[in-house]
């Protein structure tokens, strides 16, 4: 087991984000204060509040034991129905990749939701008992910058559930 990794039988812990305050000390607190001032200056009085939800592009990769393709497809289609922001899913007998937009306050919140997505929908969508093996969460500007520069995943077209 990796250091710091919880065993499968342990109780599930909630994830929260905590801002470093003055008690954290030194340069980190000054950097946090500077970031807050820069964000306030950027947002200005007419902008959105600093804690307003933003859009995050999520790519979630899962894998595990082989499962019948028809069952994997049906489960991913049900997941798309249950989670309306799902853009596209690609799948094979032993792995899948799910891409979607998530609205969240910050990256921590978007990642926490993404990490719960597969497990929370495993029974309702009858998804294979696979584990999450990869997660990428990027903000909308980064996503569009990557696309414009020719990097990163192509835009999710066609939308839907497709084999690899």
C-alpha atoms as a PDB file:
ATOM      1  CA  UNK A   1       0.000   0.000   0.000  1.00  0.00           C
ATOM      2  CA  UNK A   2       1.242   3.520  -0.803  1.00  0.00           C
ATOM      3  CA  UNK A   3       2.127   5.763   2.134  1.00  0.00           C
ATOM      4  CA  UNK A   4      -0.961   7.740   3.089  1.00  0.00           C
ATOM      5  CA  UNK A   5      -3.313   5.530   1.069  1.00  0.00           C
ATOM      6  CA  UNK A   6      -6.429   4.351   2.855  1.00  0.00           C
ATOM      7  CA  UNK A   7      -7.327   0.683   2.860  1.00  0.00           C
ATOM      8  CA  UNK A   8     -10.429  -0.353   0.941  1.00  0.00           C
ATOM      9  CA  UNK A   9     -12.247  -1.181   4.174  1.00  0.00           C
ATOM     10  CA  UNK A  10     -11.706   2.210   5.788  1.00  0.00           C
ATOM     11  CA  UNK A  11     -14.470   4.768   6.220  1.00  0.00           C
ATOM     12  CA  UNK A  12     -14.929   7.299   3.441  1.00  0.00           C
ATOM     13  CA  UNK A  13     -13.596  10.753   4.275  1.00  0.00           C
ATOM     14  CA  UNK A  14     -15.011  14.006   2.961  1.00  0.00           C
ATOM     15  CA  UNK A  15     -12.691  16.258   0.964  1.00  0.00           C
ATOM     16  CA  UNK A  16     -12.617  19.953   1.669  1.00  0.00           C
ATOM     17  CA  UNK A  17     -10.362  22.781   0.606  1.00  0.00           C
ATOM     18  CA  UNK A  18      -8.829  25.054   3.191  1.00  0.00           C
ATOM     19  CA  UNK A  19      -7.264  28.406   2.407  1.00  0.00           C
ATOM     20  CA  UNK A  20      -3.916  29.089   4.041  1.00  0.00           C
ATOM     21  CA  UNK A  21      -4.295  31.932   6.494  1.00  0.00           C
ATOM     22  CA  UNK A  22      -1.915  34.154   8.380  1.00  0.00           C
ATOM     23  CA  UNK A  23      -1.387  31.368  10.923  1.00  0.00           C
ATOM     24  CA  UNK A  24       0.217  29.289   8.173  1.00  0.00           C
ATOM     25  CA  UNK A  25       2.997  31.819   8.195  1.00  0.00           C
ATOM     26  CA  UNK A  26       5.613  33.539   6.166  1.00  0.00           C
ATOM     27  CA  UNK A  27       5.766  33.655   2.414  1.00  0.00           C
ATOM     28  CA  UNK A  28       2.769  31.370   1.877  1.00  0.00           C
ATOM     29  CA  UNK A  29       0.428  33.712   3.752  1.00  0.00           C
ATOM     30  CA  UNK A  30       1.843  36.699   1.900  1.00  0.00           C
ATOM     31  CA  UNK A  31       1.447  34.870  -1.417  1.00  0.00           C
ATOM     32  CA  UNK A  32      -2.155  33.985  -0.566  1.00  0.00           C
ATOM     33  CA  UNK A  33      -2.887  37.608   0.354  1.00  0.00           C
ATOM     34  CA  UNK A  34      -1.251  38.811  -2.871  1.00  0.00           C
ATOM     35  CA  UNK A  35      -3.304  36.307  -4.922  1.00  0.00           C
ATOM     36  CA  UNK A  36      -6.495  37.501  -3.206  1.00  0.00           C
ATOM     37  CA  UNK A  37      -5.647  41.133  -3.975  1.00  0.00           C
ATOM     38  CA  UNK A  38      -4.833  40.284  -7.608  1.00  0.00           C
ATOM     39  CA  UNK A  39      -8.084  38.331  -7.982  1.00  0.00           C
ATOM     40  CA  UNK A  40     -10.047  41.231  -6.475  1.00  0.00           C
ATOM     41  CA  UNK A  41      -8.356  43.706  -8.800  1.00  0.00           C
ATOM     42  CA  UNK A  42      -9.016  41.455 -11.805  1.00  0.00           C
ATOM     43  CA  UNK A  43     -12.655  40.848 -10.884  1.00  0.00           C
ATOM     44  CA  UNK A  44     -13.279  44.479  -9.944  1.00  0.00           C
ATOM     45  CA  UNK A  45     -16.630  45.694  -8.687  1.00  0.00           C
ATOM     46  CA  UNK A  46     -18.451  44.695 -11.881  1.00  0.00           C
ATOM     47  CA  UNK A  47     -17.002  41.169 -12.073  1.00  0.00           C
ATOM     48  CA  UNK A  48     -18.230  37.942 -10.588  1.00  0.00           C
ATOM     49  CA  UNK A  49     -17.507  37.250  -6.940  1.00  0.00           C
ATOM     50  CA  UNK A  50     -14.192  35.458  -6.411  1.00  0.00           C
ATOM     51  CA  UNK A  51     -15.998  32.330  -5.202  1.00  0.00           C
ATOM     52  CA  UNK A  52     -18.522  32.190  -8.076  1.00  0.00           C
ATOM     53  CA  UNK A  53     -18.740  28.788  -9.803  1.00  0.00           C
ATOM     54  CA  UNK A  54     -16.580  28.254 -12.877  1.00  0.00           C
ATOM     55  CA  UNK A  55     -16.554  25.608 -15.589  1.00  0.00           C
ATOM     56  CA  UNK A  56     -13.920  22.871 -15.431  1.00  0.00           C
ATOM     57  CA  UNK A  57     -13.195  20.301 -18.127  1.00  0.00           C
ATOM     58  CA  UNK A  58     -12.871  16.854 -16.538  1.00  0.00           C
ATOM     59  CA  UNK A  59     -11.371  13.713 -18.032  1.00  0.00           C
ATOM     60  CA  UNK A  60     -11.907  10.650 -15.848  1.00  0.00           C
ATOM     61  CA  UNK A  61     -10.206   7.346 -16.752  1.00  0.00           C
ATOM     62  CA  UNK A  62     -11.316   4.040 -15.238  1.00  0.00           C
ATOM     63  CA  UNK A  63     -10.197   0.460 -15.760  1.00  0.00           C
ATOM     64  CA  UNK A  64     -10.541  -3.044 -14.398  1.00  0.00           C
ATOM     65  CA  UNK A  65     -11.492  -6.595 -15.302  1.00  0.00           C
ATOM     66  CA  UNK A  66     -12.993  -7.223 -18.722  1.00  0.00           C
ATOM     67  CA  UNK A  67     -16.740  -6.728 -19.014  1.00  0.00           C
ATOM     68  CA  UNK A  68     -19.091  -7.350 -21.959  1.00  0.00           C
ATOM     69  CA  UNK A  69     -19.017  -4.362 -24.311  1.00  0.00           C
ATOM     70  CA  UNK A  70     -22.817  -4.147 -24.434  1.00  0.00           C
ATOM     71  CA  UNK A  71     -22.985  -3.821 -20.635  1.00  0.00           C
ATOM     72  CA  UNK A  72     -20.227  -1.190 -20.563  1.00  0.00           C
ATOM     73  CA  UNK A  73     -21.981   0.838 -23.263  1.00  0.00           C
ATOM     74  CA  UNK A  74     -25.378   0.572 -21.566  1.00  0.00           C
ATOM     75  CA  UNK A  75     -23.878   1.649 -18.227  1.00  0.00           C
ATOM     76  CA  UNK A  76     -22.134   4.655 -19.784  1.00  0.00           C
ATOM     77  CA  UNK A  77     -25.323   5.644 -21.602  1.00  0.00           C
ATOM     78  CA  UNK A  78     -27.200   5.512 -18.289  1.00  0.00           C
ATOM     79  CA  UNK A  79     -24.437   7.583 -16.658  1.00  0.00           C
ATOM     80  CA  UNK A  80     -24.824  10.163 -19.438  1.00  0.00           C
ATOM     81  CA  UNK A  81     -28.551  10.256 -18.733  1.00  0.00           C
ATOM     82  CA  UNK A  82     -27.985  10.619 -14.969  1.00  0.00           C
ATOM     83  CA  UNK A  83     -25.204  13.220 -15.336  1.00  0.00           C
ATOM     84  CA  UNK A  84     -26.442  15.713 -17.956  1.00  0.00           C
ATOM     85  CA  UNK A  85     -23.125  17.525 -18.426  1.00  0.00           C
ATOM     86  CA  UNK A  86     -21.445  14.385 -19.765  1.00  0.00           C
ATOM     87  CA  UNK A  87     -19.948  15.181 -23.165  1.00  0.00           C
ATOM     88  CA  UNK A  88     -18.492  11.952 -24.379  1.00  0.00           C
ATOM     89  CA  UNK A  89     -17.408   8.524 -23.216  1.00  0.00           C
ATOM     90  CA  UNK A  90     -15.066   6.119 -24.923  1.00  0.00           C
ATOM     91  CA  UNK A  91     -14.896   2.529 -23.809  1.00  0.00           C
ATOM     92  CA  UNK A  92     -13.383  -0.891 -24.296  1.00  0.00           C
ATOM     93  CA  UNK A  93     -13.859  -4.180 -22.429  1.00  0.00           C
ATOM     94  CA  UNK A  94     -11.438  -3.206 -19.663  1.00  0.00           C
ATOM     95  CA  UNK A  95     -11.293   0.591 -19.575  1.00  0.00           C
ATOM     96  CA  UNK A  96     -13.210   3.779 -20.298  1.00  0.00           C
ATOM     97  CA  UNK A  97     -12.656   7.511 -20.493  1.00  0.00           C
ATOM     98  CA  UNK A  98     -15.350  10.004 -19.570  1.00  0.00           C
ATOM     99  CA  UNK A  99     -15.145  13.685 -20.501  1.00  0.00           C
ATOM    100  CA  UNK A 100     -17.507  16.355 -19.272  1.00  0.00           C
ATOM    101  CA  UNK A 101     -17.862  19.896 -17.947  1.00  0.00           C
ATOM    102  CA  UNK A 102     -18.283  20.417 -14.223  1.00  0.00           C
ATOM    103  CA  UNK A 103     -19.418  23.632 -12.595  1.00  0.00           C
ATOM    104  CA  UNK A 104     -17.563  24.195  -9.320  1.00  0.00           C
ATOM    105  CA  UNK A 105     -16.109  26.937  -7.141  1.00  0.00           C
ATOM    106  CA  UNK A 106     -12.522  25.766  -7.607  1.00  0.00           C
ATOM    107  CA  UNK A 107     -10.398  22.910  -8.871  1.00  0.00           C
ATOM    108  CA  UNK A 108     -10.557  21.095  -5.528  1.00  0.00           C
ATOM    109  CA  UNK A 109     -14.349  20.958  -5.640  1.00  0.00           C
ATOM    110  CA  UNK A 110     -14.427  19.871  -9.301  1.00  0.00           C
ATOM    111  CA  UNK A 111     -11.881  17.112  -8.624  1.00  0.00           C
ATOM    112  CA  UNK A 112     -13.770  15.914  -5.534  1.00  0.00           C
ATOM    113  CA  UNK A 113     -16.991  15.593  -7.545  1.00  0.00           C
ATOM    114  CA  UNK A 114     -15.150  13.802 -10.354  1.00  0.00           C
ATOM    115  CA  UNK A 115     -13.562  11.332  -7.953  1.00  0.00           C
ATOM    116  CA  UNK A 116     -16.986  10.436  -6.571  1.00  0.00           C
ATOM    117  CA  UNK A 117     -18.761  10.206  -9.949  1.00  0.00           C
ATOM    118  CA  UNK A 118     -17.940   6.581 -10.824  1.00  0.00           C
ATOM    119  CA  UNK A 119     -18.562   5.165  -7.368  1.00  0.00           C
ATOM    120  CA  UNK A 120     -21.781   7.063  -6.749  1.00  0.00           C
ATOM    121  CA  UNK A 121     -23.283   5.959 -10.061  1.00  0.00           C
ATOM    122  CA  UNK A 122     -21.861   2.418 -10.081  1.00  0.00           C
ATOM    123  CA  UNK A 123     -25.080   0.798  -8.846  1.00  0.00           C
ATOM    124  CA  UNK A 124     -27.685   3.098 -10.405  1.00  0.00           C
ATOM    125  CA  UNK A 125     -26.063   2.927 -13.859  1.00  0.00           C
ATOM    126  CA  UNK A 126     -24.844  -0.673 -13.361  1.00  0.00           C
ATOM    127  CA  UNK A 127     -21.274   0.310 -14.211  1.00  0.00           C
ATOM    128  CA  UNK A 128     -18.445  -2.238 -14.084  1.00  0.00           C
ATOM    129  CA  UNK A 129     -16.596  -2.451 -10.754  1.00  0.00           C
ATOM    130  CA  UNK A 130     -13.595  -0.607 -12.168  1.00  0.00           C
ATOM    131  CA  UNK A 131     -11.302   1.767 -10.354  1.00  0.00           C
ATOM    132  CA  UNK A 132     -10.359   5.322 -11.250  1.00  0.00           C
ATOM    133  CA  UNK A 133      -6.874   5.302 -12.754  1.00  0.00           C
ATOM    134  CA  UNK A 134      -6.636   8.857 -14.055  1.00  0.00           C
ATOM    135  CA  UNK A 135      -8.095  12.305 -13.574  1.00  0.00           C
ATOM    136  CA  UNK A 136      -7.457  15.588 -15.316  1.00  0.00           C
ATOM    137  CA  UNK A 137      -9.298  18.761 -14.336  1.00  0.00           C
ATOM    138  CA  UNK A 138      -8.526  21.988 -16.190  1.00  0.00           C
ATOM    139  CA  UNK A 139     -10.280  25.329 -16.326  1.00  0.00           C
ATOM    140  CA  UNK A 140     -12.179  26.484 -19.394  1.00  0.00           C
ATOM    141  CA  UNK A 141      -9.509  28.964 -20.494  1.00  0.00           C
ATOM    142  CA  UNK A 142      -6.785  26.296 -20.356  1.00  0.00           C
ATOM    143  CA  UNK A 143      -8.968  23.867 -22.292  1.00  0.00           C
ATOM    144  CA  UNK A 144      -9.642  26.403 -25.058  1.00  0.00           C
ATOM    145  CA  UNK A 145      -5.992  27.477 -25.122  1.00  0.00           C
ATOM    146  CA  UNK A 146      -4.892  23.862 -25.599  1.00  0.00           C
ATOM    147  CA  UNK A 147      -7.373  23.345 -28.408  1.00  0.00           C
ATOM    148  CA  UNK A 148      -6.310  26.567 -30.129  1.00  0.00           C
ATOM    149  CA  UNK A 149      -2.637  25.546 -29.887  1.00  0.00           C
ATOM    150  CA  UNK A 150      -3.347  22.016 -31.126  1.00  0.00           C
ATOM    151  CA  UNK A 151      -2.529  20.356 -27.781  1.00  0.00           C
ATOM    152  CA  UNK A 152      -4.604  18.170 -25.549  1.00  0.00           C
ATOM    153  CA  UNK A 153      -7.693  16.177 -26.410  1.00  0.00           C
ATOM    154  CA  UNK A 154      -9.714  17.187 -29.417  1.00  0.00           C
ATOM    155  CA  UNK A 155     -13.085  18.765 -28.692  1.00  0.00           C
ATOM    156  CA  UNK A 156     -15.564  16.143 -27.600  1.00  0.00           C
ATOM    157  CA  UNK A 157     -17.198  15.402 -30.928  1.00  0.00           C
ATOM    158  CA  UNK A 158     -19.181  13.464 -31.615  1.00  0.00           C
ATOM    159  CA  UNK A 159     -20.964  13.776 -28.311  1.00  0.00           C
ATOM    160  CA  UNK A 160     -22.131  10.477 -26.838  1.00  0.00           C
ATOM    161  CA  UNK A 161     -20.842   7.032 -25.939  1.00  0.00           C
ATOM    162  CA  UNK A 162     -18.382   5.454 -28.392  1.00  0.00           C
ATOM    163  CA  UNK A 163     -15.959   2.509 -28.489  1.00  0.00           C
ATOM    164  CA  UNK A 164     -12.231   3.329 -28.515  1.00  0.00           C
END
